[in-house]
């Protein structure tokens, strides 16, 4: 019997590790890039949010070329980076050749329940 199979239930950190009365050993093993190859081609939507503004429809309809909309962020404040509408990071706007880009400065870790 393997060491992992003889563990008491109270010693198991996560009840998801128990499968059919056995401890799933693969959950404790480190993952490699090859393990993720199946998801590499899945498209995701990445959004970089500079800030937000709230206004009434009549104000929106009055906007024209050159209008300025004040956002809820200050100059130099981090922007939010979303992947599939989930906040995953914060970052800064950068210029890459003649285009705008985003550099991540903070990864947001969320508890998944």
PDB file of N, CA and C in Angstrom:
ATOM      1  N   UNK A   1       0.850  -1.182   0.000  1.00  0.00           N
ATOM      2  CA  UNK A   1       0.000   0.000   0.000  1.00  0.00           C
ATOM      3  C   UNK A   1       0.892   1.240   0.000  1.00  0.00           C
ATOM      4  N   UNK A   2       0.579   2.202  -0.861  1.00  0.00           N
ATOM      5  CA  UNK A   2       1.359   3.436  -0.948  1.00  0.00           C
ATOM      6  C   UNK A   2       1.113   4.305   0.276  1.00  0.00           C
ATOM      7  N   UNK A   3       2.071   5.154   0.601  1.00  0.00           N
ATOM      8  CA  UNK A   3       1.950   6.028   1.769  1.00  0.00           C
ATOM      9  C   UNK A   3       0.706   6.893   1.701  1.00  0.00           C
ATOM     10  N   UNK A   4       0.395   7.421   0.514  1.00  0.00           N
ATOM     11  CA  UNK A   4      -0.760   8.311   0.371  1.00  0.00           C
ATOM     12  C   UNK A   4      -2.069   7.594   0.646  1.00  0.00           C
ATOM     13  N   UNK A   5      -2.141   6.301   0.380  1.00  0.00           N
ATOM     14  CA  UNK A   5      -3.379   5.563   0.582  1.00  0.00           C
ATOM     15  C   UNK A   5      -3.653   5.313   2.047  1.00  0.00           C
ATOM     16  N   UNK A   6      -2.659   5.365   2.913  1.00  0.00           N
ATOM     17  CA  UNK A   6      -2.839   5.074   4.320  1.00  0.00           C
ATOM     18  C   UNK A   6      -3.143   6.320   5.148  1.00  0.00           C
ATOM     19  N   UNK A   7      -3.299   7.475   4.533  1.00  0.00           N
ATOM     20  CA  UNK A   7      -3.577   8.710   5.260  1.00  0.00           C
ATOM     21  C   UNK A   7      -4.953   8.653   5.907  1.00  0.00           C
ATOM     22  N   UNK A   8      -5.057   9.222   7.083  1.00  0.00           N
ATOM     23  CA  UNK A   8      -6.349   9.361   7.735  1.00  0.00           C
ATOM     24  C   UNK A   8      -7.109  10.494   7.039  1.00  0.00           C
ATOM     25  N   UNK A   9      -8.413  10.431   7.042  1.00  0.00           N
ATOM     26  CA  UNK A   9      -9.237  11.448   6.393  1.00  0.00           C
ATOM     27  C   UNK A   9      -8.953  12.832   6.963  1.00  0.00           C
ATOM     28  N   UNK A  10      -8.640  12.923   8.253  1.00  0.00           N
ATOM     29  CA  UNK A  10      -8.375  14.225   8.863  1.00  0.00           C
ATOM     30  C   UNK A  10      -7.054  14.820   8.395  1.00  0.00           C
ATOM     31  N   UNK A  11      -6.177  14.015   7.801  1.00  0.00           N
ATOM     32  CA  UNK A  11      -4.895  14.506   7.330  1.00  0.00           C
ATOM     33  C   UNK A  11      -4.958  15.013   5.896  1.00  0.00           C
ATOM     34  N   UNK A  12      -6.079  14.821   5.240  1.00  0.00           N
ATOM     35  CA  UNK A  12      -6.226  15.237   3.857  1.00  0.00           C
ATOM     36  C   UNK A  12      -6.640  16.701   3.841  1.00  0.00           C
ATOM     37  N   UNK A  13      -5.878  17.524   3.156  1.00  0.00           N
ATOM     38  CA  UNK A  13      -6.105  18.964   3.131  1.00  0.00           C
ATOM     39  C   UNK A  13      -7.391  19.334   2.410  1.00  0.00           C
ATOM     40  N   UNK A  14      -7.720  18.646   1.351  1.00  0.00           N
ATOM     41  CA  UNK A  14      -8.817  19.043   0.484  1.00  0.00           C
ATOM     42  C   UNK A  14      -9.630  17.804   0.150  1.00  0.00           C
ATOM     43  N   UNK A  15     -10.938  17.831   0.473  1.00  0.00           N
ATOM     44  CA  UNK A  15     -11.747  16.634   0.251  1.00  0.00           C
ATOM     45  C   UNK A  15     -11.867  16.281  -1.231  1.00  0.00           C
ATOM     46  N   UNK A  16     -11.502  17.161  -2.141  1.00  0.00           N
ATOM     47  CA  UNK A  16     -11.527  16.852  -3.571  1.00  0.00           C
ATOM     48  C   UNK A  16     -10.420  15.872  -3.942  1.00  0.00           C
ATOM     49  N   UNK A  17      -9.471  15.672  -3.044  1.00  0.00           N
ATOM     50  CA  UNK A  17      -8.371  14.759  -3.325  1.00  0.00           C
ATOM     51  C   UNK A  17      -8.788  13.302  -3.133  1.00  0.00           C
ATOM     52  N   UNK A  18      -9.938  13.061  -2.511  1.00  0.00           N
ATOM     53  CA  UNK A  18     -10.390  11.700  -2.283  1.00  0.00           C
ATOM     54  C   UNK A  18     -11.287  11.290  -3.439  1.00  0.00           C
ATOM     55  N   UNK A  19     -10.962  10.201  -4.065  1.00  0.00           N
ATOM     56  CA  UNK A  19     -11.746   9.726  -5.197  1.00  0.00           C
ATOM     57  C   UNK A  19     -11.852   8.219  -5.090  1.00  0.00           C
ATOM     58  N   UNK A  20     -13.079   7.741  -4.930  1.00  0.00           N
ATOM     59  CA  UNK A  20     -13.334   6.309  -4.817  1.00  0.00           C
ATOM     60  C   UNK A  20     -12.504   5.683  -3.701  1.00  0.00           C
ATOM     61  N   UNK A  21     -12.436   6.377  -2.540  1.00  0.00           N
ATOM     62  CA  UNK A  21     -11.742   5.826  -1.391  1.00  0.00           C
ATOM     63  C   UNK A  21     -10.226   5.912  -1.463  1.00  0.00           C
ATOM     64  N   UNK A  22      -9.680   6.489  -2.510  1.00  0.00           N
ATOM     65  CA  UNK A  22      -8.223   6.618  -2.666  1.00  0.00           C
ATOM     66  C   UNK A  22      -7.859   8.093  -2.737  1.00  0.00           C
ATOM     67  N   UNK A  23      -6.669   8.382  -2.349  1.00  0.00           N
ATOM     68  CA  UNK A  23      -6.165   9.757  -2.464  1.00  0.00           C
ATOM     69  C   UNK A  23      -5.637   9.929  -3.873  1.00  0.00           C
ATOM     70  N   UNK A  24      -6.082  10.977  -4.538  1.00  0.00           N
ATOM     71  CA  UNK A  24      -5.597  11.248  -5.891  1.00  0.00           C
ATOM     72  C   UNK A  24      -4.217  11.858  -5.778  1.00  0.00           C
ATOM     73  N   UNK A  25      -3.221  11.114  -6.159  1.00  0.00           N
ATOM     74  CA  UNK A  25      -1.838  11.560  -6.042  1.00  0.00           C
ATOM     75  C   UNK A  25      -1.504  12.649  -7.056  1.00  0.00           C
ATOM     76  N   UNK A  26      -2.219  12.705  -8.182  1.00  0.00           N
ATOM     77  CA  UNK A  26      -1.877  13.657  -9.230  1.00  0.00           C
ATOM     78  C   UNK A  26      -2.160  15.101  -8.836  1.00  0.00           C
ATOM     79  N   UNK A  27      -3.010  15.348  -7.849  1.00  0.00           N
ATOM     80  CA  UNK A  27      -3.312  16.722  -7.446  1.00  0.00           C
ATOM     81  C   UNK A  27      -2.154  17.368  -6.704  1.00  0.00           C
ATOM     82  N   UNK A  28      -1.294  16.572  -6.098  1.00  0.00           N
ATOM     83  CA  UNK A  28      -0.166  17.119  -5.355  1.00  0.00           C
ATOM     84  C   UNK A  28       1.084  17.264  -6.207  1.00  0.00           C
ATOM     85  N   UNK A  29       1.082  16.716  -7.417  1.00  0.00           N
ATOM     86  CA  UNK A  29       2.263  16.756  -8.270  1.00  0.00           C
ATOM     87  C   UNK A  29       2.315  18.083  -9.023  1.00  0.00           C
ATOM     88  N   UNK A  30       3.500  18.623  -9.220  1.00  0.00           N
ATOM     89  CA  UNK A  30       3.607  19.878  -9.977  1.00  0.00           C
ATOM     90  C   UNK A  30       3.188  19.670 -11.432  1.00  0.00           C
ATOM     91  N   UNK A  31       2.586  20.685 -11.993  1.00  0.00           N
ATOM     92  CA  UNK A  31       2.139  20.634 -13.391  1.00  0.00           C
ATOM     93  C   UNK A  31       3.213  21.221 -14.288  1.00  0.00           C
ATOM     94  N   UNK A  32       3.284  20.722 -15.501  1.00  0.00           N
ATOM     95  CA  UNK A  32       4.234  21.266 -16.470  1.00  0.00           C
ATOM     96  C   UNK A  32       3.454  21.918 -17.598  1.00  0.00           C
ATOM     97  N   UNK A  33       4.161  22.604 -18.470  1.00  0.00           N
ATOM     98  CA  UNK A  33       3.518  23.276 -19.601  1.00  0.00           C
ATOM     99  C   UNK A  33       2.819  22.270 -20.511  1.00  0.00           C
ATOM    100  N   UNK A  34       3.345  21.079 -20.621  1.00  0.00           N
ATOM    101  CA  UNK A  34       2.716  20.057 -21.478  1.00  0.00           C
ATOM    102  C   UNK A  34       1.343  19.665 -20.969  1.00  0.00           C
ATOM    103  N   UNK A  35       1.137  19.729 -19.657  1.00  0.00           N
ATOM    104  CA  UNK A  35      -0.166  19.386 -19.092  1.00  0.00           C
ATOM    105  C   UNK A  35      -1.241  20.376 -19.529  1.00  0.00           C
ATOM    106  N   UNK A  36      -0.847  21.566 -19.924  1.00  0.00           N
ATOM    107  CA  UNK A  36      -1.798  22.618 -20.296  1.00  0.00           C
ATOM    108  C   UNK A  36      -2.001  22.756 -21.807  1.00  0.00           C
ATOM    109  N   UNK A  37      -1.341  21.931 -22.605  1.00  0.00           N
ATOM    110  CA  UNK A  37      -1.424  22.065 -24.055  1.00  0.00           C
ATOM    111  C   UNK A  37      -2.852  22.038 -24.570  1.00  0.00           C
ATOM    112  N   UNK A  38      -3.739  21.320 -23.925  1.00  0.00           N
ATOM    113  CA  UNK A  38      -5.125  21.203 -24.387  1.00  0.00           C
ATOM    114  C   UNK A  38      -5.864  22.532 -24.332  1.00  0.00           C
ATOM    115  N   UNK A  39      -5.437  23.457 -23.500  1.00  0.00           N
ATOM    116  CA  UNK A  39      -6.152  24.730 -23.376  1.00  0.00           C
ATOM    117  C   UNK A  39      -5.463  25.884 -24.091  1.00  0.00           C
ATOM    118  N   UNK A  40      -4.315  25.656 -24.684  1.00  0.00           N
ATOM    119  CA  UNK A  40      -3.566  26.735 -25.332  1.00  0.00           C
ATOM    120  C   UNK A  40      -4.341  27.435 -26.449  1.00  0.00           C
ATOM    121  N   UNK A  41      -5.178  26.730 -27.174  1.00  0.00           N
ATOM    122  CA  UNK A  41      -5.871  27.309 -28.326  1.00  0.00           C
ATOM    123  C   UNK A  41      -7.263  27.837 -27.994  1.00  0.00           C
ATOM    124  N   UNK A  42      -7.644  27.854 -26.733  1.00  0.00           N
ATOM    125  CA  UNK A  42      -8.951  28.376 -26.352  1.00  0.00           C
ATOM    126  C   UNK A  42      -8.880  29.896 -26.336  1.00  0.00           C
ATOM    127  N   UNK A  43      -9.746  30.562 -27.105  1.00  0.00           N
ATOM    128  CA  UNK A  43      -9.701  32.034 -27.123  1.00  0.00           C
ATOM    129  C   UNK A  43     -10.273  32.623 -25.834  1.00  0.00           C
ATOM    130  N   UNK A  44      -9.662  33.702 -25.370  1.00  0.00           N
ATOM    131  CA  UNK A  44     -10.152  34.435 -24.210  1.00  0.00           C
ATOM    132  C   UNK A  44     -10.215  35.911 -24.579  1.00  0.00           C
ATOM    133  N   UNK A  45     -11.090  36.639 -23.905  1.00  0.00           N
ATOM    134  CA  UNK A  45     -11.216  38.071 -24.131  1.00  0.00           C
ATOM    135  C   UNK A  45     -10.448  38.800 -23.042  1.00  0.00           C
ATOM    136  N   UNK A  46      -9.495  39.633 -23.430  1.00  0.00           N
ATOM    137  CA  UNK A  46      -8.701  40.405 -22.483  1.00  0.00           C
ATOM    138  C   UNK A  46      -9.107  41.871 -22.607  1.00  0.00           C
ATOM    139  N   UNK A  47      -9.442  42.490 -21.477  1.00  0.00           N
ATOM    140  CA  UNK A  47      -9.842  43.897 -21.459  1.00  0.00           C
ATOM    141  C   UNK A  47      -8.975  44.648 -20.466  1.00  0.00           C
ATOM    142  N   UNK A  48      -8.526  45.824 -20.857  1.00  0.00           N
ATOM    143  CA  UNK A  48      -7.786  46.714 -19.973  1.00  0.00           C
ATOM    144  C   UNK A  48      -8.661  47.938 -19.736  1.00  0.00           C
ATOM    145  N   UNK A  49      -9.105  48.113 -18.510  1.00  0.00           N
ATOM    146  CA  UNK A  49     -10.047  49.182 -18.186  1.00  0.00           C
ATOM    147  C   UNK A  49      -9.287  50.356 -17.578  1.00  0.00           C
ATOM    148  N   UNK A  50      -9.290  51.467 -18.297  1.00  0.00           N
ATOM    149  CA  UNK A  50      -8.621  52.682 -17.823  1.00  0.00           C
ATOM    150  C   UNK A  50      -9.396  53.340 -16.697  1.00  0.00           C
ATOM    151  N   UNK A  51     -10.702  53.240 -16.735  1.00  0.00           N
ATOM    152  CA  UNK A  51     -11.563  53.855 -15.734  1.00  0.00           C
ATOM    153  C   UNK A  51     -13.000  53.759 -16.170  1.00  0.00           C
ATOM    154  N   UNK A  52     -13.889  54.260 -15.346  1.00  0.00           N
ATOM    155  CA  UNK A  52     -15.326  54.207 -15.646  1.00  0.00           C
ATOM    156  C   UNK A  52     -15.941  55.582 -15.425  1.00  0.00           C
ATOM    157  N   UNK A  53     -17.067  55.779 -16.089  1.00  0.00           N
ATOM    158  CA  UNK A  53     -17.833  57.011 -15.903  1.00  0.00           C
ATOM    159  C   UNK A  53     -19.313  56.662 -15.992  1.00  0.00           C
ATOM    160  N   UNK A  54     -20.117  57.397 -15.252  1.00  0.00           N
ATOM    161  CA  UNK A  54     -21.565  57.221 -15.289  1.00  0.00           C
ATOM    162  C   UNK A  54     -22.170  58.529 -15.767  1.00  0.00           C
ATOM    163  N   UNK A  55     -23.089  58.418 -16.712  1.00  0.00           N
ATOM    164  CA  UNK A  55     -23.776  59.610 -17.207  1.00  0.00           C
ATOM    165  C   UNK A  55     -25.152  59.236 -17.711  1.00  0.00           C
ATOM    166  N   UNK A  56     -25.987  60.239 -17.834  1.00  0.00           N
ATOM    167  CA  UNK A  56     -27.328  60.027 -18.351  1.00  0.00           C
ATOM    168  C   UNK A  56     -27.274  59.949 -19.874  1.00  0.00           C
ATOM    169  N   UNK A  57     -28.287  59.328 -20.446  1.00  0.00           N
ATOM    170  CA  UNK A  57     -28.336  59.152 -21.897  1.00  0.00           C
ATOM    171  C   UNK A  57     -28.293  60.505 -22.603  1.00  0.00           C
ATOM    172  N   UNK A  58     -28.987  61.504 -22.072  1.00  0.00           N
ATOM    173  CA  UNK A  58     -28.985  62.809 -22.760  1.00  0.00           C
ATOM    174  C   UNK A  58     -27.589  63.426 -22.763  1.00  0.00           C
ATOM    175  N   UNK A  59     -26.791  63.184 -21.703  1.00  0.00           N
ATOM    176  CA  UNK A  59     -25.410  63.660 -21.682  1.00  0.00           C
ATOM    177  C   UNK A  59     -24.574  62.908 -22.718  1.00  0.00           C
ATOM    178  N   UNK A  60     -24.802  61.608 -22.817  1.00  0.00           N
ATOM    179  CA  UNK A  60     -24.080  60.782 -23.778  1.00  0.00           C
ATOM    180  C   UNK A  60     -24.363  61.241 -25.205  1.00  0.00           C
ATOM    181  N   UNK A  61     -25.616  61.576 -25.502  1.00  0.00           N
ATOM    182  CA  UNK A  61     -25.997  61.999 -26.851  1.00  0.00           C
ATOM    183  C   UNK A  61     -25.409  63.358 -27.217  1.00  0.00           C
ATOM    184  N   UNK A  62     -25.060  64.163 -26.221  1.00  0.00           N
ATOM    185  CA  UNK A  62     -24.476  65.480 -26.483  1.00  0.00           C
ATOM    186  C   UNK A  62     -22.978  65.421 -26.777  1.00  0.00           C
ATOM    187  N   UNK A  63     -22.366  64.269 -26.501  1.00  0.00           N
ATOM    188  CA  UNK A  63     -20.926  64.140 -26.743  1.00  0.00           C
ATOM    189  C   UNK A  63     -20.632  64.199 -28.234  1.00  0.00           C
ATOM    190  N   UNK A  64     -19.580  64.858 -28.568  1.00  0.00           N
ATOM    191  CA  UNK A  64     -19.160  64.942 -29.960  1.00  0.00           C
ATOM    192  C   UNK A  64     -17.656  64.789 -30.044  1.00  0.00           C
ATOM    193  N   UNK A  65     -17.154  64.953 -31.256  1.00  0.00           N
ATOM    194  CA  UNK A  65     -15.714  64.857 -31.467  1.00  0.00           C
ATOM    195  C   UNK A  65     -14.988  65.847 -30.557  1.00  0.00           C
ATOM    196  N   UNK A  66     -13.975  65.356 -29.865  1.00  0.00           N
ATOM    197  CA  UNK A  66     -13.176  66.200 -28.977  1.00  0.00           C
ATOM    198  C   UNK A  66     -13.728  66.310 -27.564  1.00  0.00           C
ATOM    199  N   UNK A  67     -14.890  65.707 -27.311  1.00  0.00           N
ATOM    200  CA  UNK A  67     -15.459  65.757 -25.961  1.00  0.00           C
ATOM    201  C   UNK A  67     -14.578  64.951 -25.011  1.00  0.00           C
ATOM    202  N   UNK A  68     -14.519  65.392 -23.784  1.00  0.00           N
ATOM    203  CA  UNK A  68     -13.725  64.714 -22.767  1.00  0.00           C
ATOM    204  C   UNK A  68     -14.677  64.116 -21.740  1.00  0.00           C
ATOM    205  N   UNK A  69     -14.496  62.836 -21.466  1.00  0.00           N
ATOM    206  CA  UNK A  69     -15.285  62.150 -20.445  1.00  0.00           C
ATOM    207  C   UNK A  69     -14.356  61.880 -19.265  1.00  0.00           C
ATOM    208  N   UNK A  70     -14.710  62.437 -18.119  1.00  0.00           N
ATOM    209  CA  UNK A  70     -13.885  62.274 -16.927  1.00  0.00           C
ATOM    210  C   UNK A  70     -14.112  60.878 -16.342  1.00  0.00           C
ATOM    211  N   UNK A  71     -13.003  60.165 -16.109  1.00  0.00           N
ATOM    212  CA  UNK A  71     -13.074  58.814 -15.561  1.00  0.00           C
ATOM    213  C   UNK A  71     -12.841  58.841 -14.063  1.00  0.00           C
ATOM    214  N   UNK A  72     -13.119  57.730 -13.419  1.00  0.00           N
ATOM    215  CA  UNK A  72     -13.000  57.649 -11.963  1.00  0.00           C
ATOM    216  C   UNK A  72     -11.587  57.323 -11.484  1.00  0.00           C
ATOM    217  N   UNK A  73     -10.597  57.406 -12.353  1.00  0.00           N
ATOM    218  CA  UNK A  73      -9.209  57.113 -11.985  1.00  0.00           C
ATOM    219  C   UNK A  73      -8.360  58.363 -12.107  1.00  0.00           C
ATOM    220  N   UNK A  74      -7.273  58.372 -11.358  1.00  0.00           N
ATOM    221  CA  UNK A  74      -6.328  59.477 -11.442  1.00  0.00           C
ATOM    222  C   UNK A  74      -5.185  59.098 -12.384  1.00  0.00           C
ATOM    223  N   UNK A  75      -4.481  60.096 -12.869  1.00  0.00           N
ATOM    224  CA  UNK A  75      -3.333  59.875 -13.734  1.00  0.00           C
ATOM    225  C   UNK A  75      -2.295  59.064 -12.964  1.00  0.00           C
ATOM    226  N   UNK A  76      -1.775  58.025 -13.588  1.00  0.00           N
ATOM    227  CA  UNK A  76      -0.759  57.188 -12.964  1.00  0.00           C
ATOM    228  C   UNK A  76      -1.314  56.054 -12.118  1.00  0.00           C
ATOM    229  N   UNK A  77      -2.617  56.041 -11.878  1.00  0.00           N
ATOM    230  CA  UNK A  77      -3.228  54.971 -11.092  1.00  0.00           C
ATOM    231  C   UNK A  77      -3.295  53.702 -11.943  1.00  0.00           C
ATOM    232  N   UNK A  78      -3.171  52.555 -11.307  1.00  0.00           N
ATOM    233  CA  UNK A  78      -3.178  51.275 -12.021  1.00  0.00           C
ATOM    234  C   UNK A  78      -4.503  51.049 -12.740  1.00  0.00           C
ATOM    235  N   UNK A  79      -4.422  50.380 -13.882  1.00  0.00           N
ATOM    236  CA  UNK A  79      -5.627  50.016 -14.620  1.00  0.00           C
ATOM    237  C   UNK A  79      -5.973  48.568 -14.292  1.00  0.00           C
ATOM    238  N   UNK A  80      -7.238  48.205 -14.477  1.00  0.00           N
ATOM    239  CA  UNK A  80      -7.689  46.842 -14.217  1.00  0.00           C
ATOM    240  C   UNK A  80      -7.597  46.017 -15.492  1.00  0.00           C
ATOM    241  N   UNK A  81      -7.109  44.797 -15.367  1.00  0.00           N
ATOM    242  CA  UNK A  81      -6.995  43.879 -16.500  1.00  0.00           C
ATOM    243  C   UNK A  81      -7.929  42.703 -16.238  1.00  0.00           C
ATOM    244  N   UNK A  82      -8.861  42.507 -17.155  1.00  0.00           N
ATOM    245  CA  UNK A  82      -9.856  41.448 -17.041  1.00  0.00           C
ATOM    246  C   UNK A  82      -9.606  40.390 -18.110  1.00  0.00           C
ATOM    247  N   UNK A  83      -9.816  39.134 -17.746  1.00  0.00           N
ATOM    248  CA  UNK A  83      -9.823  38.036 -18.712  1.00  0.00           C
ATOM    249  C   UNK A  83     -11.188  37.384 -18.588  1.00  0.00           C
ATOM    250  N   UNK A  84     -11.935  37.380 -19.696  1.00  0.00           N
ATOM    251  CA  UNK A  84     -13.308  36.864 -19.696  1.00  0.00           C
ATOM    252  C   UNK A  84     -14.125  37.458 -18.554  1.00  0.00           C
ATOM    253  N   UNK A  85     -14.068  38.779 -18.422  1.00  0.00           N
ATOM    254  CA  UNK A  85     -14.829  39.544 -17.431  1.00  0.00           C
ATOM    255  C   UNK A  85     -14.472  39.223 -15.985  1.00  0.00           C
ATOM    256  N   UNK A  86     -13.324  38.633 -15.745  1.00  0.00           N
ATOM    257  CA  UNK A  86     -12.853  38.362 -14.380  1.00  0.00           C
ATOM    258  C   UNK A  86     -11.571  39.157 -14.147  1.00  0.00           C
ATOM    259  N   UNK A  87     -11.551  39.939 -13.074  1.00  0.00           N
ATOM    260  CA  UNK A  87     -10.369  40.733 -12.751  1.00  0.00           C
ATOM    261  C   UNK A  87      -9.221  39.793 -12.412  1.00  0.00           C
ATOM    262  N   UNK A  88      -8.121  39.879 -13.170  1.00  0.00           N
ATOM    263  CA  UNK A  88      -6.991  38.985 -12.943  1.00  0.00           C
ATOM    264  C   UNK A  88      -5.702  39.733 -12.605  1.00  0.00           C
ATOM    265  N   UNK A  89      -5.634  41.029 -12.947  1.00  0.00           N
ATOM    266  CA  UNK A  89      -4.383  41.747 -12.719  1.00  0.00           C
ATOM    267  C   UNK A  89      -4.631  43.254 -12.745  1.00  0.00           C
ATOM    268  N   UNK A  90      -3.612  43.976 -12.314  1.00  0.00           N
ATOM    269  CA  UNK A  90      -3.584  45.433 -12.459  1.00  0.00           C
ATOM    270  C   UNK A  90      -2.297  45.760 -13.196  1.00  0.00           C
ATOM    271  N   UNK A  91      -2.300  46.889 -13.890  1.00  0.00           N
ATOM    272  CA  UNK A  91      -1.113  47.206 -14.657  1.00  0.00           C
ATOM    273  C   UNK A  91      -1.024  48.665 -15.034  1.00  0.00           C
ATOM    274  N   UNK A  92      -0.107  48.930 -15.959  1.00  0.00           N
ATOM    275  CA  UNK A  92       0.155  50.289 -16.436  1.00  0.00           C
ATOM    276  C   UNK A  92       0.097  50.303 -17.950  1.00  0.00           C
ATOM    277  N   UNK A  93      -0.309  51.450 -18.481  1.00  0.00           N
ATOM    278  CA  UNK A  93      -0.331  51.631 -19.926  1.00  0.00           C
ATOM    279  C   UNK A  93       1.092  51.930 -20.388  1.00  0.00           C
ATOM    280  N   UNK A  94       1.503  51.267 -21.475  1.00  0.00           N
ATOM    281  CA  UNK A  94       2.826  51.495 -22.055  1.00  0.00           C
ATOM    282  C   UNK A  94       2.673  51.696 -23.559  1.00  0.00           C
ATOM    283  N   UNK A  95       3.682  52.288 -24.171  1.00  0.00           N
ATOM    284  CA  UNK A  95       3.698  52.450 -25.627  1.00  0.00           C
ATOM    285  C   UNK A  95       4.665  51.429 -26.199  1.00  0.00           C
ATOM    286  N   UNK A  96       4.168  50.643 -27.147  1.00  0.00           N
ATOM    287  CA  UNK A  96       4.984  49.627 -27.816  1.00  0.00           C
ATOM    288  C   UNK A  96       5.005  50.001 -29.295  1.00  0.00           C
ATOM    289  N   UNK A  97       6.167  50.498 -29.745  1.00  0.00           N
ATOM    290  CA  UNK A  97       6.308  51.053 -31.087  1.00  0.00           C
ATOM    291  C   UNK A  97       5.256  52.138 -31.268  1.00  0.00           C
ATOM    292  N   UNK A  98       4.256  51.955 -32.134  1.00  0.00           N
ATOM    293  CA  UNK A  98       3.248  52.999 -32.328  1.00  0.00           C
ATOM    294  C   UNK A  98       1.883  52.584 -31.777  1.00  0.00           C
ATOM    295  N   UNK A  99       1.873  51.624 -30.866  1.00  0.00           N
ATOM    296  CA  UNK A  99       0.613  51.129 -30.298  1.00  0.00           C
ATOM    297  C   UNK A  99       0.645  51.225 -28.775  1.00  0.00           C
ATOM    298  N   UNK A 100      -0.555  51.228 -28.191  1.00  0.00           N
ATOM    299  CA  UNK A 100      -0.665  51.181 -26.743  1.00  0.00           C
ATOM    300  C   UNK A 100      -0.627  49.733 -26.291  1.00  0.00           C
ATOM    301  N   UNK A 101      -0.064  49.507 -25.136  1.00  0.00           N
ATOM    302  CA  UNK A 101      -0.024  48.183 -24.551  1.00  0.00           C
ATOM    303  C   UNK A 101      -0.226  48.289 -23.054  1.00  0.00           C
ATOM    304  N   UNK A 102      -0.221  47.146 -22.397  1.00  0.00           N
ATOM    305  CA  UNK A 102      -0.401  47.093 -20.952  1.00  0.00           C
ATOM    306  C   UNK A 102       0.665  46.186 -20.375  1.00  0.00           C
ATOM    307  N   UNK A 103       1.297  46.636 -19.318  1.00  0.00           N
ATOM    308  CA  UNK A 103       2.226  45.784 -18.587  1.00  0.00           C
ATOM    309  C   UNK A 103       1.601  45.454 -17.235  1.00  0.00           C
ATOM    310  N   UNK A 104       1.617  44.178 -16.860  1.00  0.00           N
ATOM    311  CA  UNK A 104       1.019  43.761 -15.593  1.00  0.00           C
ATOM    312  C   UNK A 104       1.986  44.053 -14.457  1.00  0.00           C
ATOM    313  N   UNK A 105       1.485  44.706 -13.423  1.00  0.00           N
ATOM    314  CA  UNK A 105       2.307  45.022 -12.269  1.00  0.00           C
ATOM    315  C   UNK A 105       1.870  44.249 -11.030  1.00  0.00           C
ATOM    316  N   UNK A 106       0.660  43.710 -11.065  1.00  0.00           N
ATOM    317  CA  UNK A 106       0.133  42.985  -9.906  1.00  0.00           C
ATOM    318  C   UNK A 106      -0.841  41.924 -10.388  1.00  0.00           C
ATOM    319  N   UNK A 107      -0.659  40.696  -9.945  1.00  0.00           N
ATOM    320  CA  UNK A 107      -1.593  39.620 -10.247  1.00  0.00           C
ATOM    321  C   UNK A 107      -2.580  39.532  -9.095  1.00  0.00           C
ATOM    322  N   UNK A 108      -3.868  39.480  -9.430  1.00  0.00           N
ATOM    323  CA  UNK A 108      -4.916  39.412  -8.413  1.00  0.00           C
ATOM    324  C   UNK A 108      -5.233  37.943  -8.159  1.00  0.00           C
ATOM    325  N   UNK A 109      -5.041  37.516  -6.929  1.00  0.00           N
ATOM    326  CA  UNK A 109      -5.361  36.136  -6.562  1.00  0.00           C
ATOM    327  C   UNK A 109      -6.714  36.139  -5.869  1.00  0.00           C
ATOM    328  N   UNK A 110      -7.614  35.306  -6.352  1.00  0.00           N
ATOM    329  CA  UNK A 110      -8.930  35.201  -5.759  1.00  0.00           C
ATOM    330  C   UNK A 110      -9.121  33.816  -5.188  1.00  0.00           C
ATOM    331  N   UNK A 111      -9.865  33.733  -4.117  1.00  0.00           N
ATOM    332  CA  UNK A 111     -10.208  32.433  -3.551  1.00  0.00           C
ATOM    333  C   UNK A 111     -11.373  31.866  -4.339  1.00  0.00           C
ATOM    334  N   UNK A 112     -11.179  30.697  -4.886  1.00  0.00           N
ATOM    335  CA  UNK A 112     -12.257  30.041  -5.633  1.00  0.00           C
ATOM    336  C   UNK A 112     -12.960  29.075  -4.698  1.00  0.00           C
ATOM    337  N   UNK A 113     -14.263  29.262  -4.544  1.00  0.00           N
ATOM    338  CA  UNK A 113     -15.022  28.369  -3.675  1.00  0.00           C
ATOM    339  C   UNK A 113     -15.902  27.469  -4.477  1.00  0.00           C
TER     340      UNK A 113
END
